[in-house]
Amino acid sequence: MSAAGREPAPRPADEPLRSEDARRLGYRRAGEVAELLGITVRTVHYYEEEGLVTPRRTSRGTRYFSEFDVRRMEVCVRLACVGVPLRTIRDVALTRLDAGSGDDFGRAVVELIARMREDFRANLAALRNLLADLERAERLARSCWSCPNSPTRRSCPGCSCETQLASSFFMHLAWDPDRPAASPRENSS
């Protein structure tokens, strides 16, 4: 049973797979899948534990993943890389198992897609804001390129990074950590 408490989809053949047959059919071992997708073998096994893929096994327990398993896992990896929670990925992957009809399945998937799109839109807005801030930070950092002074507020009090610090959220991480508490003028911006 998967971690979500649902049975994984049955495989066409429940008997053990022979390694020779697996290779002939183009199946891949966990390490090959991990390398192909740029993830760890532990992640491949974790996705199996979560019920997202169901590899075939040899009589000795070696896992073999079909091309479909690999593509399915690739979707999981891509979604996880952009911040989709594993719970949502699992819900999508297992929706068909809970559906009593095509109508149930279609409606459930559309609802999940709608939620993901809403989350992506919110994330895109946050990323656009961060990108604009990084562009401001880059302009400030470029203003230091020809400066011979040490990059601190004490040795370069007129530095753009110091005088325009409030214009870039990012520069609060990059600029002088020995900076004194903000002045009242800076707090008002």
Protein backbone atom coordinates (compact mmCIF):
# COMPACT_ATOMS: atom_id res chain seq x y z
CA MET A 1 0.00 0.00 0.00
CA SER A 2 1.18 3.53 -0.70
CA ALA A 3 1.78 6.12 1.98
CA ALA A 4 -1.53 7.70 1.03
CA GLY A 5 -3.32 4.47 2.02
CA ARG A 6 -4.28 3.50 -1.51
CA GLU A 7 -3.24 0.43 -3.46
CA PRO A 8 -0.82 1.13 -6.33
CA ALA A 9 -2.07 0.43 -9.81
CA PRO A 10 -1.78 -3.27 -10.64
CA ARG A 11 1.01 -4.26 -13.01
CA PRO A 12 0.23 -6.30 -16.12
CA ALA A 13 2.41 -9.14 -14.83
CA ASP A 14 2.83 -9.67 -11.10
CA GLU A 15 5.34 -12.48 -11.50
CA PRO A 16 9.02 -11.54 -11.15
CA LEU A 17 10.67 -10.01 -14.16
CA ARG A 18 13.82 -11.55 -15.55
CA SER A 19 16.72 -9.10 -15.93
CA GLU A 20 17.24 -10.13 -19.55
CA ASP A 21 13.59 -9.43 -20.33
CA ALA A 22 13.76 -6.08 -18.54
CA ARG A 23 16.74 -5.02 -20.65
CA ARG A 24 15.12 -6.26 -23.85
CA LEU A 25 11.98 -4.25 -23.02
CA GLY A 26 14.03 -1.11 -22.35
CA TYR A 27 13.41 -1.03 -18.60
CA ARG A 28 15.90 0.85 -16.43
CA ARG A 29 17.32 0.19 -13.00
CA ALA A 30 16.90 2.74 -10.19
CA GLY A 31 20.45 4.08 -10.59
CA GLU A 32 19.94 4.64 -14.31
CA VAL A 33 16.67 6.46 -13.67
CA ALA A 34 18.31 8.61 -11.00
CA GLU A 35 21.16 9.55 -13.32
CA LEU A 36 18.80 10.29 -16.21
CA LEU A 37 16.60 12.57 -14.09
CA GLY A 38 19.38 14.18 -12.05
CA ILE A 39 18.08 12.86 -8.73
CA THR A 40 19.34 10.38 -6.15
CA VAL A 41 18.51 6.69 -6.03
CA ARG A 42 16.94 7.42 -2.66
CA THR A 43 14.55 9.86 -4.36
CA VAL A 44 13.62 7.20 -6.92
CA HIS A 45 12.85 4.79 -4.08
CA TYR A 46 10.96 7.49 -2.16
CA TYR A 47 8.68 8.13 -5.14
CA GLU A 48 8.00 4.42 -5.24
CA GLU A 49 7.24 4.38 -1.50
CA GLU A 50 4.78 7.24 -2.04
CA GLY A 51 2.96 5.22 -4.69
CA LEU A 52 3.90 7.53 -7.56
CA VAL A 53 5.53 4.74 -9.59
CA THR A 54 5.38 0.96 -9.35
CA PRO A 55 8.45 -0.69 -10.83
CA ARG A 56 8.63 -4.34 -11.80
CA ARG A 57 11.02 -6.50 -9.77
CA THR A 58 13.21 -9.48 -10.39
CA SER A 59 13.06 -12.52 -8.12
CA ARG A 60 15.98 -10.97 -6.21
CA GLY A 61 14.13 -7.68 -5.74
CA THR A 62 15.97 -5.54 -8.30
CA ARG A 63 13.66 -2.75 -9.42
CA TYR A 64 13.14 -2.10 -13.13
CA PHE A 65 11.29 0.97 -14.34
CA SER A 66 9.43 1.12 -17.64
CA GLU A 67 9.60 4.12 -19.96
CA PHE A 68 6.17 5.13 -18.62
CA ASP A 69 7.48 4.95 -15.03
CA VAL A 70 10.44 7.13 -16.01
CA ARG A 71 8.22 9.75 -17.70
CA ARG A 72 5.83 9.73 -14.75
CA MET A 73 8.74 10.24 -12.36
CA GLU A 74 10.10 13.02 -14.58
CA VAL A 75 6.78 14.86 -14.22
CA CYS A 76 7.02 14.43 -10.44
CA VAL A 77 10.58 15.78 -10.39
CA ARG A 78 9.72 18.77 -12.57
CA LEU A 79 6.72 19.65 -10.44
CA ALA A 80 8.72 19.26 -7.22
CA CYS A 81 11.49 21.49 -8.64
CA VAL A 82 9.03 24.34 -9.10
CA GLY A 83 7.66 23.97 -5.59
CA VAL A 84 4.59 21.78 -6.02
CA PRO A 85 4.13 19.95 -2.71
CA LEU A 86 4.49 16.18 -2.76
CA ARG A 87 0.96 15.87 -1.40
CA THR A 88 -0.39 17.60 -4.52
CA ILE A 89 1.80 15.49 -6.82
CA ARG A 90 0.54 12.37 -5.05
CA ASP A 91 -3.06 13.55 -5.33
CA VAL A 92 -2.66 13.99 -9.09
CA ALA A 93 -0.92 10.63 -9.50
CA LEU A 94 -3.52 8.73 -7.52
CA THR A 95 -6.68 10.56 -8.61
CA ARG A 96 -7.61 7.88 -11.12
CA LEU A 97 -7.63 5.24 -8.37
CA ASP A 98 -10.25 7.17 -6.40
CA ALA A 99 -12.43 8.01 -9.40
CA GLY A 100 -15.59 6.02 -9.92
CA SER A 101 -16.04 7.34 -13.43
CA GLY A 102 -14.35 9.36 -16.13
CA ASP A 103 -16.45 12.30 -15.00
CA ASP A 104 -15.14 11.99 -11.41
CA PHE A 105 -11.59 11.67 -12.68
CA GLY A 106 -11.82 14.62 -15.07
CA ARG A 107 -13.39 16.92 -12.50
CA ALA A 108 -10.86 16.00 -9.83
CA VAL A 109 -7.90 16.56 -12.16
CA VAL A 110 -9.28 19.89 -13.37
CA GLU A 111 -9.68 21.01 -9.75
CA LEU A 112 -6.08 20.05 -8.96
CA ILE A 113 -4.85 21.84 -12.08
CA ALA A 114 -6.80 24.97 -11.13
CA ARG A 115 -5.20 25.01 -7.68
CA MET A 116 -1.73 24.51 -9.15
CA ARG A 117 -2.27 27.30 -11.67
CA GLU A 118 -3.38 29.64 -8.88
CA ASP A 119 -0.26 28.77 -6.86
CA PHE A 120 1.95 29.22 -9.94
CA ARG A 121 0.46 32.65 -10.60
CA ALA A 122 1.20 33.73 -7.01
CA ASN A 123 4.73 32.34 -7.28
CA LEU A 124 5.25 34.09 -10.61
CA ALA A 125 4.29 37.42 -9.08
CA ALA A 126 6.75 36.86 -6.23
CA LEU A 127 9.47 35.82 -8.69
CA ARG A 128 8.86 38.90 -10.85
CA ASN A 129 9.25 41.10 -7.77
CA LEU A 130 12.44 39.31 -6.78
CA LEU A 131 13.81 39.58 -10.31
CA ALA A 132 13.19 43.34 -10.33
CA ASP A 133 14.93 43.60 -6.96
CA LEU A 134 17.90 41.58 -8.24
CA GLU A 135 18.19 43.97 -11.18
CA ARG A 136 18.29 46.92 -8.76
CA ALA A 137 20.90 45.09 -6.66
CA GLU A 138 22.99 44.37 -9.73
CA ARG A 139 22.98 48.06 -10.69
CA LEU A 140 24.14 48.95 -7.17
CA ALA A 141 26.87 46.29 -7.20
CA ARG A 142 28.08 47.43 -10.64
CA SER A 143 28.51 50.95 -9.27
CA CYS A 144 31.33 49.51 -7.10
CA TRP A 145 33.32 48.08 -10.01
CA SER A 146 35.86 50.86 -10.24
CA CYS A 147 35.93 51.73 -6.52
CA PRO A 148 39.32 51.15 -4.82
CA ASN A 149 37.86 51.40 -1.29
CA SER A 150 37.03 48.49 0.99
CA PRO A 151 33.32 47.63 0.57
CA THR A 152 32.11 48.88 3.94
CA ARG A 153 30.12 51.88 5.00
CA ARG A 154 33.06 53.22 7.01
CA SER A 155 35.59 53.16 4.19
CA CYS A 156 33.14 54.21 1.49
CA PRO A 157 30.29 56.19 3.15
CA GLY A 158 29.11 57.68 -0.16
CA CYS A 159 28.83 54.25 -1.86
CA SER A 160 25.63 53.69 -3.81
CA CYS A 161 25.21 50.40 -1.95
CA GLU A 162 25.12 52.39 1.28
CA THR A 163 23.10 55.40 0.19
CA GLN A 164 20.55 53.39 -1.81
CA LEU A 165 20.42 50.30 0.38
CA ALA A 166 16.70 50.72 1.02
CA SER A 167 16.02 50.38 -2.72
CA SER A 168 17.05 46.71 -2.80
CA PHE A 169 15.90 43.97 -0.49
CA PHE A 170 18.68 41.65 -1.74
CA MET A 171 21.47 44.12 -0.92
CA HIS A 172 20.59 43.81 2.77
CA LEU A 173 22.15 40.37 2.50
CA ALA A 174 25.17 41.37 0.42
CA TRP A 175 26.11 44.73 1.97
CA ASP A 176 28.07 45.54 5.13
CA PRO A 177 26.78 43.52 8.12
CA ASP A 178 28.46 45.99 10.50
CA ARG A 179 26.09 48.67 9.37
CA PRO A 180 24.54 50.56 12.31
CA ALA A 181 20.82 50.54 12.96
CA ALA A 182 18.74 52.27 10.29
CA SER A 183 18.34 55.98 10.57
CA PRO A 184 14.81 57.46 10.85
CA ARG A 185 15.16 58.66 7.23
CA GLU A 186 15.78 55.07 6.03
CA ASN A 187 12.89 53.65 8.07
CA SER A 188 10.45 55.99 6.35
CA SER A 189 11.24 54.68 2.85
